[in-house]
Amino acid sequence: MAITKILNIKSQSNLHNAIEYILKPEKTKEQLWVGGNAGNTTQEVYRTMMDTKQTWGKLDGRKGYHIIISWKPGECTEEKAYQIIQEFCQEYLGENYDYVFGIHTDRKHCHDSRCVQFRESSYWL
């Protein structure tokens, strides 16, 4: 059974660090297992997320969420993990959120790490 953690990202530097961690080439087989709708590089994703916050006048407070799902060794392949997370993001996050995710393969167990923030004004209310 997978374990899920949801972490509140409280500062701009923590947002940048979370994105950088998610996209690390040594964790994602040189970014083979990376996806999302907010960009392809740390700077691009960070800028997209900060531009969204500026658009809605929400530069203060929470910067987003860092979500981690870890599977037991042998419980999930890289391919299956990527498929699960990609389908989840497309169905439940869609265009209402900025997000980036990476399937990390640098440990004995496969794990997903993703950064998410709201895009729509109704979510800021």
Foldseek 3Di string as FASTA:
>chain_A
DKDKDKAWAWALVSLLVLLCVQQPCLFFVHNPFKDWDQDNDSVSNSVSQCVLCVVLVNNHGTSWMKMKIWDDQPPDDSVRVSVVVVVCCCVPVNPQKGKMKGFTDNDSIIMMIMTIDGRDNVVVD
